[in-house]
C-alpha cells in the first residue's frame, strides 16, 4: 500500500494500492490489443467529444481538484485554482487542435519521373505512450501527457509521482466517465523504480513522455526500444538579467513570482539573478522587502503565497545548499530559516560563489541568488555557462539591451520583462542541452505522438 500524505503537515490523506509486474503486463497487453484493432480506433469526432466531456467534468469538480492539488502537492490554493483552470483549458486545447490537425500535399510533377502522380500525407498515431510524471503540477502535467495521446488516438499508460497520485487517478477516472474506454488511458501506480523503467522501456512502447530528473530521464532515453520516440522535460537554474534601464518595481514583483511560485519547485523557476551594478543596491533592497512580505503557510489557506516543499528530505537538501553558499562567502539577505518539517523561509542570497550549488544546480526550492554585473555580455556568458538551458529573462526598457540579450541567451525561450517561469500551454516548451529533449506544449506533443504516412496515386 502507498500512503498519500499532505505535503504541508504530513497528515495522512488516504492509502492506495500499488501495482506489480503482472498488473503492468495486463495493462500493456490491453493497450496493445486496442491499438492493433484498427477497426476499433476512435474517430476524431469521438475523441473531440470525449475531450469536451472530460473538460466539462473537470469544470464541475474545479474546487475539489484545486484543493486536492494543495493537499497532496503543497501548492498554495490560489495557484492550485490557476492550475486547475489551465488543466481544463488544456483538455479543450487538445480538442481544438484536432480541427486543423492533418497531413499535407506533397508536390508531384516537378520532374519527368513524377508526372501523372498525386501524393499527400496523413497523420497516424505512433503507438502506445508511456507517461511518467512529476509532483509539482500533479493535474496539469498529466493533462499535458494524456490529452494529446487521447486526441491523436494513442493508448497511454501514465505513472504519476508517488507523492501526488490522487490528481492523476481522478483525471483518468474522469476520462473514462467521459466515454473513453479504459484500455486507451490507464494508470500504473508503483513506487518500484525497476517497474517504472520496465514500463518506459518495454518493446511495445512507441513514445515515452518523461517529466522529472535529468539523471533518470536520460537513462531511460538510452534504453528505449529501437524506433521509439521520447520527450524529456527536466529543469535548470534559470537566469534573469536586470538591466539598469529596467522598471524596478515591476521587475521585482515579477521576479518574486518567478522565483517563489510553488516554493520554487518549477523547472523554469527564476534562480540566478544578474543585476547591473548601477542599480544593484536598490534592486536588492526592494527584492528583500518584497520577499519578506510573502506569506508562507498552510497551502490550503486562501491567502498563502508560499507553501511547503514536497518532502522533508527536500527541505533538508535546500537548507544545506543555503548553508553551503553562506559558508562559501554568500550574504544571507533574508530567509534561510526552517519553519517546519517541509517549509522553509523564502531566501535571498547575495554574491554566492560561482561554484556553489545554488549557482550551478537546480535548487527546486524558495531560494534566489543575486549577483552584480557591469558588462552585459559577461552577464550573458555567465548565464549561459551551465550544462542546463531552459527559459530565461531580461528585464530592460532599453530595447537594444533587451534584444541583444534575447539574441544571445542560450535558452529555448527568452522572456522580455516577464519571469522565466512564464508559460501558456499552447506555446512550445522545451529544455536544451541537459534540460530536456523534444518540445512540449499540447499542439507540439500531438505532432510528436503521430507519424506521417505518404499515399501516392498514379494516374493512367
Protein backbone atom coordinates (compact mmCIF):
# COMPACT_ATOMS: atom_id res chain seq x y z
CA UNK A 1 0.00 0.00 0.00
CA UNK A 2 1.06 3.57 -0.68
CA UNK A 3 0.20 6.16 1.94
CA UNK A 4 -0.56 9.59 0.48
CA UNK A 5 0.01 12.47 2.90
CA UNK A 6 -0.44 16.21 2.92
CA UNK A 7 2.78 17.90 1.88
CA UNK A 8 2.46 20.65 4.49
CA UNK A 9 1.89 18.78 7.74
CA UNK A 10 2.48 15.15 6.64
CA UNK A 11 -1.01 14.16 7.81
CA UNK A 12 -2.42 11.09 6.02
CA UNK A 13 -4.94 11.64 3.24
CA UNK A 14 -5.54 8.08 2.10
CA UNK A 15 -3.91 4.80 1.17
CA UNK A 16 -3.92 3.35 -2.33
CA UNK A 17 -2.78 0.02 -3.64
CA UNK A 18 0.41 -0.23 -5.61
CA UNK A 19 0.62 -2.47 -8.67
CA UNK A 20 3.02 -5.24 -9.60
CA UNK A 21 4.66 -6.62 -12.73
CA UNK A 22 1.62 -8.74 -13.55
CA UNK A 23 -0.62 -5.67 -13.49
CA UNK A 24 1.80 -3.82 -15.77
CA UNK A 25 1.75 -6.69 -18.25
CA UNK A 26 -2.05 -6.72 -18.26
CA UNK A 27 -2.12 -3.02 -18.98
CA UNK A 28 0.49 -3.18 -21.73
CA UNK A 29 -1.37 -6.12 -23.32
CA UNK A 30 -4.68 -4.24 -23.18
CA UNK A 31 -3.12 -1.16 -24.76
CA UNK A 32 -1.52 -3.25 -27.48
CA UNK A 33 -4.77 -5.06 -28.17
CA UNK A 34 -6.81 -1.90 -28.77
CA UNK A 35 -4.09 -0.29 -30.84
CA UNK A 36 -3.75 -3.32 -33.11
CA UNK A 37 -7.51 -3.37 -33.70
CA UNK A 38 -7.52 -0.63 -36.30
CA UNK A 39 -11.23 -1.03 -36.97
CA UNK A 40 -11.84 -0.20 -33.34
CA UNK A 41 -9.92 3.09 -33.33
CA UNK A 42 -11.94 6.05 -32.12
CA UNK A 43 -12.74 8.54 -34.86
CA UNK A 44 -11.63 12.18 -34.49
CA UNK A 45 -15.17 13.39 -33.75
CA UNK A 46 -15.44 10.77 -30.99
CA UNK A 47 -12.16 11.87 -29.47
CA UNK A 48 -13.23 15.51 -29.60
CA UNK A 49 -16.49 14.66 -27.86
CA UNK A 50 -14.68 12.72 -25.12
CA UNK A 51 -12.25 15.58 -24.50
CA UNK A 52 -15.09 18.10 -24.35
CA UNK A 53 -16.97 15.95 -21.82
CA UNK A 54 -13.79 15.49 -19.81
CA UNK A 55 -13.27 19.28 -19.65
CA UNK A 56 -16.89 19.71 -18.50
CA UNK A 57 -16.50 17.10 -15.79
CA UNK A 58 -13.32 18.80 -14.58
CA UNK A 59 -15.11 22.14 -14.55
CA UNK A 60 -17.80 20.65 -12.30
CA UNK A 61 -15.08 19.49 -9.87
CA UNK A 62 -12.83 22.57 -10.13
CA UNK A 63 -12.82 23.44 -6.42
CA UNK A 64 -12.30 19.84 -5.36
CA UNK A 65 -9.43 19.33 -7.82
CA UNK A 66 -7.73 22.54 -6.68
CA UNK A 67 -7.95 21.58 -3.00
CA UNK A 68 -6.58 18.14 -3.82
CA UNK A 69 -3.57 19.73 -5.53
CA UNK A 70 -2.99 21.92 -2.47
CA UNK A 71 -3.23 18.99 -0.08
CA UNK A 72 -1.17 16.31 -1.81
CA UNK A 73 1.28 18.62 -3.63
CA UNK A 74 1.54 21.59 -1.29
CA UNK A 75 0.82 24.22 -3.93
CA UNK A 76 -0.89 27.28 -2.42
CA UNK A 77 -4.62 27.17 -3.09
CA UNK A 78 -4.75 30.33 -5.27
CA UNK A 79 -2.11 28.79 -7.54
CA UNK A 80 -3.82 25.39 -7.41
CA UNK A 81 -7.00 27.03 -8.69
CA UNK A 82 -4.99 28.52 -11.56
CA UNK A 83 -3.50 25.08 -12.29
CA UNK A 84 -6.95 23.53 -12.42
CA UNK A 85 -8.19 26.23 -14.79
CA UNK A 86 -5.17 25.67 -17.02
CA UNK A 87 -5.73 21.93 -17.00
CA UNK A 88 -9.34 22.34 -18.13
CA UNK A 89 -8.22 24.71 -20.88
CA UNK A 90 -5.51 22.24 -21.89
CA UNK A 91 -8.05 19.49 -22.47
CA UNK A 92 -10.08 21.85 -24.64
CA UNK A 93 -6.89 22.92 -26.40
CA UNK A 94 -6.25 19.31 -27.46
CA UNK A 95 -9.80 19.02 -28.81
CA UNK A 96 -9.49 22.35 -30.64
CA UNK A 97 -6.21 21.34 -32.25
CA UNK A 98 -7.84 18.35 -33.95
CA UNK A 99 -9.86 20.69 -36.19
CA UNK A 100 -6.68 21.65 -38.04
CA UNK A 101 -4.62 18.53 -37.42
CA UNK A 102 -3.90 16.80 -40.70
CA UNK A 103 -1.44 15.93 -43.40
CA UNK A 104 -0.30 17.90 -46.44
CA UNK A 105 0.04 17.60 -50.17
CA UNK A 106 3.45 16.51 -51.47
CA UNK A 107 4.12 18.20 -54.85
CA UNK A 108 4.44 15.88 -57.80
CA UNK A 109 5.14 16.64 -61.47
CA UNK A 110 8.30 18.52 -60.59
CA UNK A 111 10.33 16.14 -62.73
CA UNK A 112 9.52 13.82 -65.61
CA UNK A 113 9.73 10.86 -63.24
CA UNK A 114 7.00 12.37 -61.06
CA UNK A 115 4.46 13.08 -63.78
CA UNK A 116 0.86 11.88 -63.51
CA UNK A 117 1.03 11.37 -59.76
CA UNK A 118 -0.72 12.89 -56.79
CA UNK A 119 0.63 12.47 -53.24
CA UNK A 120 -0.46 13.51 -49.81
CA UNK A 121 0.29 12.60 -46.22
CA UNK A 122 -1.93 11.53 -43.38
CA UNK A 123 -1.17 11.57 -39.66
CA UNK A 124 -1.35 8.31 -37.75
CA UNK A 125 -0.95 7.69 -34.01
CA UNK A 126 2.56 6.48 -33.25
CA UNK A 127 1.53 3.73 -30.82
CA UNK A 128 1.45 3.13 -27.09
CA UNK A 129 2.57 6.06 -24.92
CA UNK A 130 4.29 5.60 -21.55
CA UNK A 131 3.95 8.74 -19.44
CA UNK A 132 5.97 9.22 -16.26
CA UNK A 133 5.07 12.41 -14.44
CA UNK A 134 6.24 14.71 -11.65
CA UNK A 135 4.69 16.02 -8.44
CA UNK A 136 4.88 19.77 -8.90
CA UNK A 137 1.84 20.21 -11.18
CA UNK A 138 0.02 16.96 -10.43
CA UNK A 139 -3.03 17.72 -12.57
CA UNK A 140 -1.78 19.92 -15.40
CA UNK A 141 1.30 17.84 -16.17
CA UNK A 142 -0.88 14.74 -16.52
CA UNK A 143 -3.14 16.69 -18.88
CA UNK A 144 -0.10 17.56 -20.99
CA UNK A 145 0.76 13.88 -21.23
CA UNK A 146 -2.62 12.19 -21.70
CA UNK A 147 -4.76 14.79 -23.51
CA UNK A 148 -2.51 14.80 -26.62
CA UNK A 149 -2.49 11.00 -26.60
CA UNK A 150 -6.27 10.82 -26.38
CA UNK A 151 -6.59 13.47 -29.08
CA UNK A 152 -4.43 11.69 -31.65
CA UNK A 153 -5.56 8.16 -30.77
CA UNK A 154 -2.62 6.71 -28.86
CA UNK A 155 -3.23 4.35 -25.93
CA UNK A 156 -1.46 5.83 -22.89
CA UNK A 157 -0.31 4.35 -19.59
CA UNK A 158 0.58 7.03 -17.04
CA UNK A 159 2.61 6.64 -13.86
CA UNK A 160 2.19 9.64 -11.56
CA UNK A 161 4.65 10.72 -8.91
CA UNK A 162 4.17 8.58 -5.81
CA UNK A 163 3.79 11.71 -3.67
CA UNK A 164 0.88 13.06 -5.77
CA UNK A 165 -1.08 10.19 -7.36
CA UNK A 166 -4.60 11.34 -6.47
CA UNK A 167 -4.94 14.06 -9.09
CA UNK A 168 -3.82 11.63 -11.78
CA UNK A 169 -6.17 8.87 -10.65
CA UNK A 170 -9.10 11.25 -10.58
CA UNK A 171 -8.32 12.73 -14.01
CA UNK A 172 -8.05 9.32 -15.66
CA UNK A 173 -11.25 8.24 -13.92
CA UNK A 174 -12.99 11.31 -15.34
CA UNK A 175 -11.69 10.45 -18.81
CA UNK A 176 -13.36 7.05 -18.51
CA UNK A 177 -16.54 8.72 -17.23
CA UNK A 178 -16.39 10.96 -20.30
CA UNK A 179 -16.62 7.89 -22.50
CA UNK A 180 -13.02 6.86 -23.15
CA UNK A 181 -12.68 3.05 -23.00
CA UNK A 182 -10.29 2.11 -20.19
CA UNK A 183 -7.55 0.46 -22.32
CA UNK A 184 -6.97 3.79 -24.10
CA UNK A 185 -5.91 5.53 -20.88
CA UNK A 186 -4.66 3.60 -17.84
CA UNK A 187 -2.78 4.44 -14.68
CA UNK A 188 0.08 2.47 -13.22
CA UNK A 189 0.78 3.07 -9.54
CA UNK A 190 4.15 1.91 -8.29
CA UNK A 191 6.94 3.02 -6.03
CA UNK A 192 9.26 0.45 -7.62
CA UNK A 193 11.77 2.20 -9.90
CA UNK A 194 12.50 -1.04 -11.74
CA UNK A 195 8.84 -1.41 -12.68
CA UNK A 196 8.70 2.23 -13.80
CA UNK A 197 11.70 1.56 -16.02
CA UNK A 198 10.04 -1.57 -17.36
CA UNK A 199 7.01 0.48 -18.36
CA UNK A 200 9.13 3.11 -20.11
CA UNK A 201 11.37 0.70 -21.98
CA UNK A 202 9.01 -2.13 -22.90
CA UNK A 203 9.29 -3.17 -26.56
CA UNK A 204 5.62 -2.20 -27.10
CA UNK A 205 6.19 1.43 -26.13
CA UNK A 206 6.38 3.81 -29.08
CA UNK A 207 6.64 7.11 -27.19
CA UNK A 208 7.98 8.00 -23.73
CA UNK A 209 6.85 11.21 -22.08
CA UNK A 210 9.04 11.78 -19.04
CA UNK A 211 8.94 14.72 -16.62
CA UNK A 212 11.46 14.52 -13.80
CA UNK A 213 15.15 14.42 -13.03
CA UNK A 214 17.72 14.59 -15.81
CA UNK A 215 19.60 11.60 -14.42
CA UNK A 216 16.58 9.32 -14.68
CA UNK A 217 15.23 10.78 -17.90
CA UNK A 218 18.43 10.46 -19.90
CA UNK A 219 18.97 6.96 -18.54
CA UNK A 220 15.53 5.87 -19.72
CA UNK A 221 16.07 7.59 -23.07
CA UNK A 222 19.18 5.46 -23.62
CA UNK A 223 17.20 2.26 -23.02
CA UNK A 224 14.20 2.86 -25.26
CA UNK A 225 13.31 0.21 -27.84
CA UNK A 226 14.52 0.93 -31.34
CA UNK A 227 12.22 3.34 -33.17
CA UNK A 228 10.63 4.74 -30.02
CA UNK A 229 10.49 8.50 -29.59
CA UNK A 230 10.74 10.43 -26.35
CA UNK A 231 10.06 13.80 -24.81
CA UNK A 232 12.12 14.62 -21.73
CA UNK A 233 11.40 17.61 -19.52
CA UNK A 234 13.94 18.27 -16.81
CA UNK A 235 14.99 21.62 -15.39
CA UNK A 236 17.80 24.07 -14.78
CA UNK A 237 18.95 27.08 -12.81
CA UNK A 238 17.04 29.69 -14.78
CA UNK A 239 18.77 33.09 -15.15
CA UNK A 240 17.23 36.56 -15.13
CA UNK A 241 19.22 39.65 -16.11
CA UNK A 242 18.11 43.04 -14.75
CA UNK A 243 19.47 45.94 -16.78
CA UNK A 244 19.89 49.43 -15.34
CA UNK A 245 17.06 50.57 -17.63
CA UNK A 246 14.58 48.14 -16.05
CA UNK A 247 11.41 49.27 -14.33
CA UNK A 248 12.49 48.10 -10.89
CA UNK A 249 9.08 47.98 -9.25
CA UNK A 250 7.68 45.75 -11.99
CA UNK A 251 10.84 43.68 -12.28
CA UNK A 252 10.92 42.90 -8.56
CA UNK A 253 7.28 41.85 -8.47
CA UNK A 254 7.67 39.56 -11.49
CA UNK A 255 10.95 38.06 -10.30
CA UNK A 256 9.42 37.28 -6.90
CA UNK A 257 6.58 35.49 -8.67
CA UNK A 258 9.05 33.63 -10.89
CA UNK A 259 11.33 32.65 -8.04
CA UNK A 260 8.92 31.68 -5.26
CA UNK A 261 5.89 30.32 -7.14
CA UNK A 262 5.18 26.87 -5.65
CA UNK A 263 8.17 27.40 -3.33
CA UNK A 264 10.50 27.37 -6.35
CA UNK A 265 9.51 23.83 -7.32
CA UNK A 266 9.18 24.64 -11.02
CA UNK A 267 11.57 23.52 -13.75
CA UNK A 268 11.90 27.11 -15.03
CA UNK A 269 11.84 28.84 -11.64
CA UNK A 270 13.94 32.02 -11.53
CA UNK A 271 17.09 31.15 -9.59
CA UNK A 272 20.13 33.15 -10.74
CA UNK A 273 19.58 36.93 -10.90
CA UNK A 274 22.22 39.14 -12.52
CA UNK A 275 21.72 42.84 -11.73
CA UNK A 276 23.58 45.79 -13.22
CA UNK A 277 25.85 47.30 -10.58
CA UNK A 278 24.33 50.79 -11.05
CA UNK A 279 21.01 49.57 -9.59
CA UNK A 280 22.11 46.53 -7.60
CA UNK A 281 21.71 48.06 -4.16
CA UNK A 282 18.26 49.49 -4.85
CA UNK A 283 17.09 46.32 -6.56
CA UNK A 284 18.28 44.12 -3.70
CA UNK A 285 16.65 46.37 -1.10
CA UNK A 286 13.34 46.22 -2.95
CA UNK A 287 13.61 42.48 -3.56
CA UNK A 288 14.31 41.67 0.08
CA UNK A 289 11.46 43.90 1.27
CA UNK A 290 9.03 42.18 -1.10
CA UNK A 291 10.21 38.66 -0.23
CA UNK A 292 9.83 39.35 3.47
CA UNK A 293 6.15 40.15 2.87
CA UNK A 294 5.42 36.74 1.33
CA UNK A 295 3.03 34.69 3.43
CA UNK A 296 4.42 31.20 3.99
CA UNK A 297 1.79 28.92 5.48
CA UNK A 298 -0.62 26.03 5.01
CA UNK A 299 -1.26 25.83 1.25
CA UNK A 300 -4.98 25.13 1.73
CA UNK A 301 -5.49 28.68 3.09
CA UNK A 302 -6.72 31.24 0.60
CA UNK A 303 -4.04 33.86 1.36
CA UNK A 304 -0.97 31.58 1.35
CA UNK A 305 1.69 32.61 -1.19
CA UNK A 306 4.46 30.09 -0.44
CA UNK A 307 3.81 26.55 0.68
CA UNK A 308 5.96 23.57 1.64
CA UNK A 309 8.47 21.51 -0.24
CA UNK A 310 7.19 18.12 -1.26
CA UNK A 311 9.23 16.05 1.23
CA UNK A 312 11.22 16.67 4.42
CA UNK A 313 14.39 15.43 2.71
CA UNK A 314 13.96 18.10 0.03
CA UNK A 315 13.75 20.77 2.73
CA UNK A 316 16.91 19.28 4.28
CA UNK A 317 18.69 19.46 0.93
CA UNK A 318 17.70 23.05 0.16
CA UNK A 319 18.69 24.18 3.65
CA UNK A 320 22.08 22.52 3.26
CA UNK A 321 22.66 24.29 -0.07
CA UNK A 322 21.89 27.64 1.56
CA UNK A 323 24.30 26.85 4.41
CA UNK A 324 26.98 25.85 1.90
CA UNK A 325 26.58 29.11 -0.01
CA UNK A 326 26.83 31.21 3.16
CA UNK A 327 29.88 29.25 4.33
CA UNK A 328 31.41 29.95 0.92
CA UNK A 329 31.02 33.71 1.28
CA UNK A 330 27.46 34.49 0.18
CA UNK A 331 25.49 37.05 2.16
CA UNK A 332 22.16 35.85 3.54
CA UNK A 333 19.98 38.90 2.84
CA UNK A 334 16.80 37.33 4.18
CA UNK A 335 15.30 33.96 4.99
CA UNK A 336 17.22 30.76 5.47
CA UNK A 337 15.22 29.52 8.45
CA UNK A 338 13.39 26.22 8.73
CA UNK A 339 9.74 26.92 9.56
CA UNK A 340 8.54 23.32 9.74
CA UNK A 341 9.44 19.82 8.62
CA UNK A 342 8.77 20.73 4.99
CA UNK A 343 8.62 24.53 4.97
CA UNK A 344 11.49 26.97 4.50
CA UNK A 345 11.52 30.73 4.81
CA UNK A 346 11.84 32.35 1.35
CA UNK A 347 15.51 33.15 0.94
CA UNK A 348 17.66 35.69 -0.91
CA UNK A 349 21.40 35.13 -1.23
CA UNK A 350 23.84 37.79 -2.42
CA UNK A 351 27.09 37.11 -4.28
CA UNK A 352 27.21 33.34 -3.94
CA UNK A 353 30.42 31.75 -5.19
CA UNK A 354 30.42 30.73 -8.84
CA UNK A 355 30.92 27.08 -7.90
CA UNK A 356 28.30 26.97 -5.13
CA UNK A 357 25.41 24.56 -5.64
CA UNK A 358 22.95 27.47 -5.73
CA UNK A 359 24.95 28.90 -8.66
CA UNK A 360 25.34 25.70 -10.65
CA UNK A 361 22.47 23.28 -9.90
CA UNK A 362 18.69 23.49 -9.88
CA UNK A 363 17.72 24.20 -6.30
CA UNK A 364 13.97 23.47 -6.65
CA UNK A 365 13.26 25.46 -3.53
CA UNK A 366 12.34 29.00 -2.39
CA UNK A 367 15.80 30.49 -2.93
CA UNK A 368 17.23 33.04 -5.37
CA UNK A 369 20.86 34.11 -5.75
CA UNK A 370 21.64 37.72 -6.75
CA UNK A 371 24.91 38.80 -8.38
CA UNK A 372 26.18 42.08 -9.80
CA UNK A 373 27.49 42.72 -13.29
CA UNK A 374 28.89 45.69 -15.18
CA UNK A 375 29.18 44.22 -18.68
CA UNK A 376 26.07 42.78 -20.31
CA UNK A 377 27.95 40.28 -22.44
CA UNK A 378 29.74 38.94 -19.39
CA UNK A 379 26.41 38.50 -17.58
CA UNK A 380 25.06 36.65 -20.61
CA UNK A 381 28.17 34.46 -20.72
CA UNK A 382 27.74 33.56 -17.05
CA UNK A 383 24.06 32.86 -17.56
CA UNK A 384 24.95 30.55 -20.46
CA UNK A 385 27.78 28.74 -18.67
CA UNK A 386 25.85 25.78 -17.23
CA UNK A 387 25.14 22.47 -19.00
CA UNK A 388 21.42 23.12 -18.49
CA UNK A 389 19.38 25.64 -20.50
CA UNK A 390 15.64 26.18 -20.47
CA UNK A 391 13.87 29.56 -20.17
CA UNK A 392 15.47 32.87 -19.24
CA UNK A 393 14.57 36.53 -18.72
CA UNK A 394 15.87 40.00 -19.46
CA UNK A 395 14.34 43.00 -17.71
CA UNK A 396 15.07 46.21 -19.61
CA UNK A 397 13.32 49.27 -21.03
CA UNK A 398 16.26 49.80 -23.40
CA UNK A 399 15.19 47.86 -26.49
CA UNK A 400 18.77 47.40 -27.70
CA UNK A 401 19.76 45.74 -24.44
CA UNK A 402 16.63 43.61 -24.41
CA UNK A 403 17.11 42.35 -27.96
CA UNK A 404 20.84 41.77 -27.56
CA UNK A 405 20.19 39.60 -24.51
CA UNK A 406 17.29 37.82 -26.20
CA UNK A 407 19.52 37.04 -29.16
CA UNK A 408 22.46 35.78 -27.14
CA UNK A 409 20.97 33.96 -24.17
CA UNK A 410 21.14 30.18 -24.62
CA UNK A 411 17.54 29.28 -23.95
CA UNK A 412 14.53 27.77 -25.65
CA UNK A 413 12.58 30.91 -24.70
CA UNK A 414 13.68 34.36 -23.57
CA UNK A 415 11.11 36.44 -21.70
CA UNK A 416 11.49 40.21 -22.03
CA UNK A 417 10.11 41.89 -18.91
CA UNK A 418 8.44 38.68 -17.76
CA UNK A 419 9.68 35.95 -15.40
CA UNK A 420 11.46 32.80 -16.51
CA UNK A 421 8.52 30.76 -15.20
CA UNK A 422 6.00 32.22 -17.66
CA UNK A 423 4.12 29.59 -19.65
CA UNK A 424 0.90 29.12 -21.53
CA UNK A 425 0.02 25.61 -22.53
CA UNK A 426 -0.14 26.05 -26.29
CA UNK A 427 3.35 27.52 -26.61
CA UNK A 428 6.48 25.43 -27.30
CA UNK A 429 8.13 24.41 -24.03
CA UNK A 430 11.49 22.70 -24.19
CA UNK A 431 14.75 22.27 -22.38
CA UNK A 432 18.04 22.49 -24.22
CA UNK A 433 21.29 20.62 -23.54
CA UNK A 434 20.80 18.51 -20.40
CA UNK A 435 17.48 20.20 -19.61
CA UNK A 436 15.40 18.13 -21.97
CA UNK A 437 14.66 16.57 -25.32
CA UNK A 438 11.80 17.26 -27.71
CA UNK A 439 9.23 20.03 -27.50
CA UNK A 440 6.36 20.17 -25.04
CA UNK A 441 3.14 22.15 -25.31
CA UNK A 442 -0.08 20.39 -26.25
CA UNK A 443 -0.04 21.01 -30.04
CA UNK A 444 3.65 20.10 -30.23
CA UNK A 445 3.18 16.92 -28.23
CA UNK A 446 0.32 15.91 -30.52
CA UNK A 447 2.66 16.21 -33.50
CA UNK A 448 5.32 14.13 -31.76
CA UNK A 449 2.78 11.41 -30.93
CA UNK A 450 1.91 10.96 -34.59
CA UNK A 451 3.80 9.94 -37.70
CA UNK A 452 3.13 10.88 -41.28
CA UNK A 453 2.28 8.33 -43.92
CA UNK A 454 2.52 9.33 -47.58
CA UNK A 455 -0.06 7.99 -50.01
CA UNK A 456 0.69 8.21 -53.74
CA UNK A 457 -1.78 7.81 -56.60
CA UNK A 458 -0.58 7.26 -60.15
CA UNK A 459 -2.93 8.40 -62.84
CA UNK A 460 -3.04 6.50 -66.11
